[in-house]
PDB file of N, CA and C in Angstrom:
ATOM      1  N   MET A   1     105.876  81.508 132.140  1.00  0.00           N
ATOM      2  CA  MET A   1     105.182  82.984 131.669  1.00  0.00           C
ATOM      3  C   MET A   1     103.887  82.784 132.216  1.00  0.00           C
ATOM      4  N   ASP A   2     103.488  83.905 132.428  1.00  0.00           N
ATOM      5  CA  ASP A   2     101.934  84.257 132.902  1.00  0.00           C
ATOM      6  C   ASP A   2     100.985  84.607 132.105  1.00  0.00           C
ATOM      7  N   HIS A   3     100.018  84.547 132.456  1.00  0.00           N
ATOM      8  CA  HIS A   3      98.700  84.910 131.612  1.00  0.00           C
ATOM      9  C   HIS A   3      98.880  86.343 130.795  1.00  0.00           C
ATOM     10  N   ASP A   4      99.291  87.457 131.290  1.00  0.00           N
ATOM     11  CA  ASP A   4      99.873  88.615 130.607  1.00  0.00           C
ATOM     12  C   ASP A   4     100.911  88.447 129.697  1.00  0.00           C
ATOM     13  N   GLY A   5     102.017  87.594 129.845  1.00  0.00           N
ATOM     14  CA  GLY A   5     102.885  87.120 129.280  1.00  0.00           C
ATOM     15  C   GLY A   5     102.477  86.435 127.818  1.00  0.00           C
ATOM     16  N   VAL A   6     101.750  85.369 128.058  1.00  0.00           N
ATOM     17  CA  VAL A   6     101.219  84.803 126.810  1.00  0.00           C
ATOM     18  C   VAL A   6     100.373  85.827 125.915  1.00  0.00           C
ATOM     19  N   GLU A   7      99.599  86.549 126.419  1.00  0.00           N
ATOM     20  CA  GLU A   7      98.708  87.514 125.510  1.00  0.00           C
ATOM     21  C   GLU A   7      99.814  88.333 124.982  1.00  0.00           C
ATOM     22  N   GLN A   8     100.902  88.943 125.646  1.00  0.00           N
ATOM     23  CA  GLN A   8     101.768  89.871 124.955  1.00  0.00           C
ATOM     24  C   GLN A   8     102.602  89.007 123.641  1.00  0.00           C
ATOM     25  N   VAL A   9     102.757  87.821 124.049  1.00  0.00           N
ATOM     26  CA  VAL A   9     103.816  87.342 122.786  1.00  0.00           C
ATOM     27  C   VAL A   9     102.471  86.821 121.654  1.00  0.00           C
ATOM     28  N   LEU A  10     101.147  86.778 122.124  1.00  0.00           N
ATOM     29  CA  LEU A  10     100.191  86.627 120.946  1.00  0.00           C
ATOM     30  C   LEU A  10      99.864  87.923 120.056  1.00  0.00           C
ATOM     31  N   ARG A  11      99.870  88.999 120.894  1.00  0.00           N
ATOM     32  CA  ARG A  11      99.744  90.261 120.304  1.00  0.00           C
ATOM     33  C   ARG A  11     100.783  90.715 119.468  1.00  0.00           C
ATOM     34  N   ASP A  12     102.160  90.415 119.890  1.00  0.00           N
ATOM     35  CA  ASP A  12     103.288  90.606 118.946  1.00  0.00           C
ATOM     36  C   ASP A  12     103.144  89.795 117.900  1.00  0.00           C
ATOM     37  N   HIS A  13     102.790  88.335 117.809  1.00  0.00           N
ATOM     38  CA  HIS A  13     102.659  87.683 116.688  1.00  0.00           C
ATOM     39  C   HIS A  13     101.622  87.982 115.717  1.00  0.00           C
ATOM     40  N   ALA A  14     100.518  88.694 116.360  1.00  0.00           N
ATOM     41  CA  ALA A  14      99.494  89.049 115.647  1.00  0.00           C
ATOM     42  C   ALA A  14      99.668  90.288 114.786  1.00  0.00           C
ATOM     43  N   ALA A  15     100.634  91.250 115.359  1.00  0.00           N
ATOM     44  CA  ALA A  15     101.221  92.586 114.823  1.00  0.00           C
ATOM     45  C   ALA A  15     102.080  92.115 113.433  1.00  0.00           C
ATOM     46  N   LEU A  16     102.686  91.097 113.590  1.00  0.00           N
ATOM     47  CA  LEU A  16     103.666  90.511 112.580  1.00  0.00           C
ATOM     48  C   LEU A  16     102.854  90.013 111.263  1.00  0.00           C
ATOM     49  N   SER A  17     101.475  89.701 111.471  1.00  0.00           N
ATOM     50  CA  SER A  17     100.768  89.142 110.548  1.00  0.00           C
ATOM     51  C   SER A  17     100.561  90.007 109.149  1.00  0.00           C
ATOM     52  N   ARG A  18     100.568  89.448 108.248  1.00  0.00           N
ATOM     53  CA  ARG A  18     100.453  89.891 106.996  1.00  0.00           C
ATOM     54  C   ARG A  18      98.810  90.646 106.699  1.00  0.00           C
ATOM     55  N   GLY A  19      98.064  89.860 107.132  1.00  0.00           N
ATOM     56  CA  GLY A  19      96.447  90.087 106.985  1.00  0.00           C
ATOM     57  C   GLY A  19      95.962  89.695 105.692  1.00  0.00           C
ATOM     58  N   ASP A  20      96.723  89.100 104.571  1.00  0.00           N
ATOM     59  CA  ASP A  20      96.158  88.944 103.501  1.00  0.00           C
ATOM     60  C   ASP A  20      96.417  87.358 103.283  1.00  0.00           C
ATOM     61  N   THR A  21      96.394  86.822 104.088  1.00  0.00           N
ATOM     62  CA  THR A  21      96.307  85.259 104.043  1.00  0.00           C
ATOM     63  C   THR A  21      95.176  84.552 104.432  1.00  0.00           C
ATOM     64  N   ASP A  22      95.073  83.187 104.093  1.00  0.00           N
ATOM     65  CA  ASP A  22      93.990  82.265 104.560  1.00  0.00           C
ATOM     66  C   ASP A  22      93.870  82.192 105.922  1.00  0.00           C
ATOM     67  N   PRO A  23      92.769  82.580 106.478  1.00  0.00           N
ATOM     68  CA  PRO A  23      92.816  82.406 108.244  1.00  0.00           C
ATOM     69  C   PRO A  23      92.884  81.018 108.701  1.00  0.00           C
ATOM     70  N   GLU A  24      92.509  80.136 107.943  1.00  0.00           N
ATOM     71  CA  GLU A  24      92.961  78.646 108.440  1.00  0.00           C
ATOM     72  C   GLU A  24      94.524  78.346 108.230  1.00  0.00           C
ATOM     73  N   LEU A  25      95.207  79.079 107.476  1.00  0.00           N
ATOM     74  CA  LEU A  25      96.521  78.737 107.195  1.00  0.00           C
ATOM     75  C   LEU A  25      97.159  79.576 108.511  1.00  0.00           C
ATOM     76  N   ASP A  26      96.572  80.689 108.818  1.00  0.00           N
ATOM     77  CA  ASP A  26      97.018  81.533 109.701  1.00  0.00           C
ATOM     78  C   ASP A  26      96.638  80.819 111.169  1.00  0.00           C
ATOM     79  N   ALA A  27      95.795  80.337 111.483  1.00  0.00           N
ATOM     80  CA  ALA A  27      95.591  79.378 112.547  1.00  0.00           C
ATOM     81  C   ALA A  27      96.632  78.409 112.755  1.00  0.00           C
ATOM     82  N   VAL A  28      96.835  77.679 111.820  1.00  0.00           N
ATOM     83  CA  VAL A  28      97.822  76.573 111.767  1.00  0.00           C
ATOM     84  C   VAL A  28      99.168  77.138 111.988  1.00  0.00           C
ATOM     85  N   ARG A  29      99.721  78.349 111.606  1.00  0.00           N
ATOM     86  CA  ARG A  29     100.826  78.837 111.893  1.00  0.00           C
ATOM     87  C   ARG A  29     100.799  79.326 113.654  1.00  0.00           C
ATOM     88  N   ALA A  30      99.652  79.927 113.771  1.00  0.00           N
ATOM     89  CA  ALA A  30      99.415  80.243 115.118  1.00  0.00           C
ATOM     90  C   ALA A  30      99.618  79.054 116.290  1.00  0.00           C
ATOM     91  N   ALA A  31      99.028  78.131 116.090  1.00  0.00           N
ATOM     92  CA  ALA A  31      98.961  76.879 116.586  1.00  0.00           C
ATOM     93  C   ALA A  31     100.451  76.140 116.837  1.00  0.00           C
ATOM     94  N   ILE A  32     101.184  76.170 115.584  1.00  0.00           N
ATOM     95  CA  ILE A  32     102.477  75.910 115.753  1.00  0.00           C
ATOM     96  C   ILE A  32     103.451  76.897 116.423  1.00  0.00           C
ATOM     97  N   LEU A  33     103.383  78.008 116.601  1.00  0.00           N
ATOM     98  CA  LEU A  33     103.910  79.018 117.384  1.00  0.00           C
ATOM     99  C   LEU A  33     103.662  78.883 118.908  1.00  0.00           C
ATOM    100  N   ILE A  34     102.420  78.576 119.265  1.00  0.00           N
ATOM    101  CA  ILE A  34     101.604  78.357 120.565  1.00  0.00           C
ATOM    102  C   ILE A  34     102.208  77.051 121.069  1.00  0.00           C
ATOM    103  N   GLU A  35     102.122  75.789 120.315  1.00  0.00           N
ATOM    104  CA  GLU A  35     103.085  74.528 120.572  1.00  0.00           C
ATOM    105  C   GLU A  35     104.821  74.705 120.982  1.00  0.00           C
ATOM    106  N   ASP A  36     105.226  75.586 120.168  1.00  0.00           N
ATOM    107  CA  ASP A  36     106.441  75.585 120.345  1.00  0.00           C
ATOM    108  C   ASP A  36     107.179  76.357 121.426  1.00  0.00           C
ATOM    109  N   ILE A  37     106.242  77.494 121.651  1.00  0.00           N
ATOM    110  CA  ILE A  37     106.769  78.660 122.682  1.00  0.00           C
ATOM    111  C   ILE A  37     105.946  78.242 124.061  1.00  0.00           C
ATOM    112  N   PHE A  38     105.160  77.626 124.292  1.00  0.00           N
ATOM    113  CA  PHE A  38     104.596  77.263 125.397  1.00  0.00           C
ATOM    114  C   PHE A  38     104.377  75.876 125.706  1.00  0.00           C
ATOM    115  N   GLY A  39     105.194  74.979 124.995  1.00  0.00           N
ATOM    116  CA  GLY A  39     105.203  73.825 125.215  1.00  0.00           C
ATOM    117  C   GLY A  39     103.888  72.956 125.399  1.00  0.00           C
ATOM    118  N   VAL A  40     103.057  73.301 124.851  1.00  0.00           N
ATOM    119  CA  VAL A  40     101.588  72.430 124.930  1.00  0.00           C
ATOM    120  C   VAL A  40     101.259  71.688 123.536  1.00  0.00           C
ATOM    121  N   THR A  41     100.405  70.713 123.823  1.00  0.00           N
ATOM    122  CA  THR A  41      99.953  70.222 122.307  1.00  0.00           C
ATOM    123  C   THR A  41      98.623  70.499 122.317  1.00  0.00           C
ATOM    124  N   LEU A  42      98.090  71.207 121.024  1.00  0.00           N
ATOM    125  CA  LEU A  42      96.888  71.763 120.654  1.00  0.00           C
ATOM    126  C   LEU A  42      96.203  70.416 120.044  1.00  0.00           C
ATOM    127  N   SER A  43      95.061  70.327 120.166  1.00  0.00           N
ATOM    128  CA  SER A  43      94.296  69.469 119.479  1.00  0.00           C
ATOM    129  C   SER A  43      93.537  69.857 118.479  1.00  0.00           C
ATOM    130  N   ASP A  44      92.807  69.272 117.340  1.00  0.00           N
ATOM    131  CA  ASP A  44      92.548  69.807 116.275  1.00  0.00           C
ATOM    132  C   ASP A  44      90.882  70.554 116.441  1.00  0.00           C
ATOM    133  N   ALA A  45      90.495  70.299 117.509  1.00  0.00           N
ATOM    134  CA  ALA A  45      89.293  71.243 118.140  1.00  0.00           C
ATOM    135  C   ALA A  45      89.864  72.645 118.564  1.00  0.00           C
ATOM    136  N   ASP A  46      91.204  72.468 119.128  1.00  0.00           N
ATOM    137  CA  ASP A  46      91.638  73.751 119.510  1.00  0.00           C
ATOM    138  C   ASP A  46      92.095  74.750 118.543  1.00  0.00           C
ATOM    139  N   ILE A  47      92.467  74.080 117.306  1.00  0.00           N
ATOM    140  CA  ILE A  47      92.860  75.059 116.023  1.00  0.00           C
ATOM    141  C   ILE A  47      91.842  75.396 115.266  1.00  0.00           C
ATOM    142  N   ASP A  48      91.199  76.510 116.086  1.00  0.00           N
ATOM    143  CA  ASP A  48      89.972  77.359 115.489  1.00  0.00           C
ATOM    144  C   ASP A  48      90.439  78.933 115.123  1.00  0.00           C
ATOM    145  N   PRO A  49      90.399  79.195 114.054  1.00  0.00           N
ATOM    146  CA  PRO A  49      90.853  80.536 113.539  1.00  0.00           C
ATOM    147  C   PRO A  49      90.123  81.661 114.351  1.00  0.00           C
ATOM    148  N   ALA A  50      88.887  81.520 114.757  1.00  0.00           N
ATOM    149  CA  ALA A  50      88.455  82.919 115.668  1.00  0.00           C
ATOM    150  C   ALA A  50      88.994  82.584 117.066  1.00  0.00           C
ATOM    151  N   MET A  51      88.821  81.646 117.522  1.00  0.00           N
ATOM    152  CA  MET A  51      89.578  81.367 118.876  1.00  0.00           C
ATOM    153  C   MET A  51      91.211  81.766 118.922  1.00  0.00           C
ATOM    154  N   LEU A  52      91.632  81.260 117.955  1.00  0.00           N
ATOM    155  CA  LEU A  52      93.155  81.436 117.940  1.00  0.00           C
ATOM    156  C   LEU A  52      93.464  83.027 117.742  1.00  0.00           C
ATOM    157  N   ALA A  53      92.614  83.702 117.150  1.00  0.00           N
ATOM    158  CA  ALA A  53      92.879  85.326 116.809  1.00  0.00           C
ATOM    159  C   ALA A  53      92.701  85.946 118.140  1.00  0.00           C
ATOM    160  N   ASP A  54      91.995  85.319 119.248  1.00  0.00           N
ATOM    161  CA  ASP A  54      91.719  86.352 120.527  1.00  0.00           C
ATOM    162  C   ASP A  54      92.808  85.836 121.589  1.00  0.00           C
ATOM    163  N   ALA A  55      93.482  86.730 121.728  1.00  0.00           N
ATOM    164  CA  ALA A  55      94.625  86.707 122.659  1.00  0.00           C
ATOM    165  C   ALA A  55      94.306  86.156 124.129  1.00  0.00           C
ATOM    166  N   SER A  56      93.413  86.762 124.638  1.00  0.00           N
ATOM    167  CA  SER A  56      92.773  86.206 125.985  1.00  0.00           C
ATOM    168  C   SER A  56      92.336  84.894 125.735  1.00  0.00           C
ATOM    169  N   ALA A  57      91.779  84.416 124.975  1.00  0.00           N
ATOM    170  CA  ALA A  57      91.209  83.164 124.559  1.00  0.00           C
ATOM    171  C   ALA A  57      92.115  82.214 124.641  1.00  0.00           C
ATOM    172  N   VAL A  58      93.307  82.324 123.849  1.00  0.00           N
ATOM    173  CA  VAL A  58      94.454  81.534 123.511  1.00  0.00           C
ATOM    174  C   VAL A  58      95.249  81.309 125.038  1.00  0.00           C
ATOM    175  N   ALA A  59      95.502  82.722 125.758  1.00  0.00           N
ATOM    176  CA  ALA A  59      96.244  82.583 127.140  1.00  0.00           C
ATOM    177  C   ALA A  59      95.605  81.817 127.950  1.00  0.00           C
ATOM    178  N   ALA A  60      94.062  81.703 127.957  1.00  0.00           N
ATOM    179  CA  ALA A  60      93.350  80.913 128.698  1.00  0.00           C
ATOM    180  C   ALA A  60      93.619  79.581 128.355  1.00  0.00           C
ATOM    181  N   LEU A  61      93.635  79.159 127.073  1.00  0.00           N
ATOM    182  CA  LEU A  61      93.977  77.897 126.575  1.00  0.00           C
ATOM    183  C   LEU A  61      95.202  77.316 127.081  1.00  0.00           C
ATOM    184  N   VAL A  62      96.143  78.269 126.717  1.00  0.00           N
ATOM    185  CA  VAL A  62      97.581  77.794 127.343  1.00  0.00           C
ATOM    186  C   VAL A  62      97.434  77.459 128.959  1.00  0.00           C
ATOM    187  N   THR A  63      97.002  78.187 129.681  1.00  0.00           N
ATOM    188  CA  THR A  63      97.091  78.073 131.050  1.00  0.00           C
ATOM    189  C   THR A  63      96.207  76.729 131.700  1.00  0.00           C
ATOM    190  N   ARG A  64      95.118  76.465 130.868  1.00  0.00           N
ATOM    191  CA  ARG A  64      94.446  74.988 130.833  1.00  0.00           C
ATOM    192  C   ARG A  64      95.153  74.107 130.555  1.00  0.00           C
ATOM    193  N   LEU A  65      95.794  74.199 129.539  1.00  0.00           N
ATOM    194  CA  LEU A  65      96.618  72.967 129.061  1.00  0.00           C
ATOM    195  C   LEU A  65      97.880  72.693 129.877  1.00  0.00           C
ATOM    196  N   ARG A  66      98.679  73.691 130.382  1.00  0.00           N
ATOM    197  CA  ARG A  66      99.656  73.709 131.403  1.00  0.00           C
ATOM    198  C   ARG A  66      99.411  73.173 132.707  1.00  0.00           C
ATOM    199  N   GLY A  67      98.167  73.242 133.001  1.00  0.00           N
ATOM    200  CA  GLY A  67      97.686  72.725 134.449  1.00  0.00           C
ATOM    201  C   GLY A  67      98.332  73.665 135.439  1.00  0.00           C
ATOM    202  N   PRO A  68      97.818  73.208 136.333  1.00  0.00           N
ATOM    203  CA  PRO A  68      98.415  73.939 137.819  1.00  0.00           C
ATOM    204  C   PRO A  68      99.963  74.384 137.687  1.00  0.00           C
ATOM    205  N   ALA A  69     100.001  75.540 138.143  1.00  0.00           N
ATOM    206  CA  ALA A  69     101.624  76.145 138.418  1.00  0.00           C
ATOM    207  C   ALA A  69     102.320  75.284 139.784  1.00  0.00           C
TER     208      ALA A  69
END
């Protein structure tokens, strides 16, 4: 999946968010989704609510963690 595909999955996930939950809990849920879908492992430092809410930042992170294609 390319950078745009990663962003689309994350936008779809964000659209399903209820928005009335704890931001840290949302970050953990997003981290689990990212790990499961993209086959990467996030470090504790990667599970940052502000970063995980930014689809472009997460797409860049996934690309970095996957390494060269």
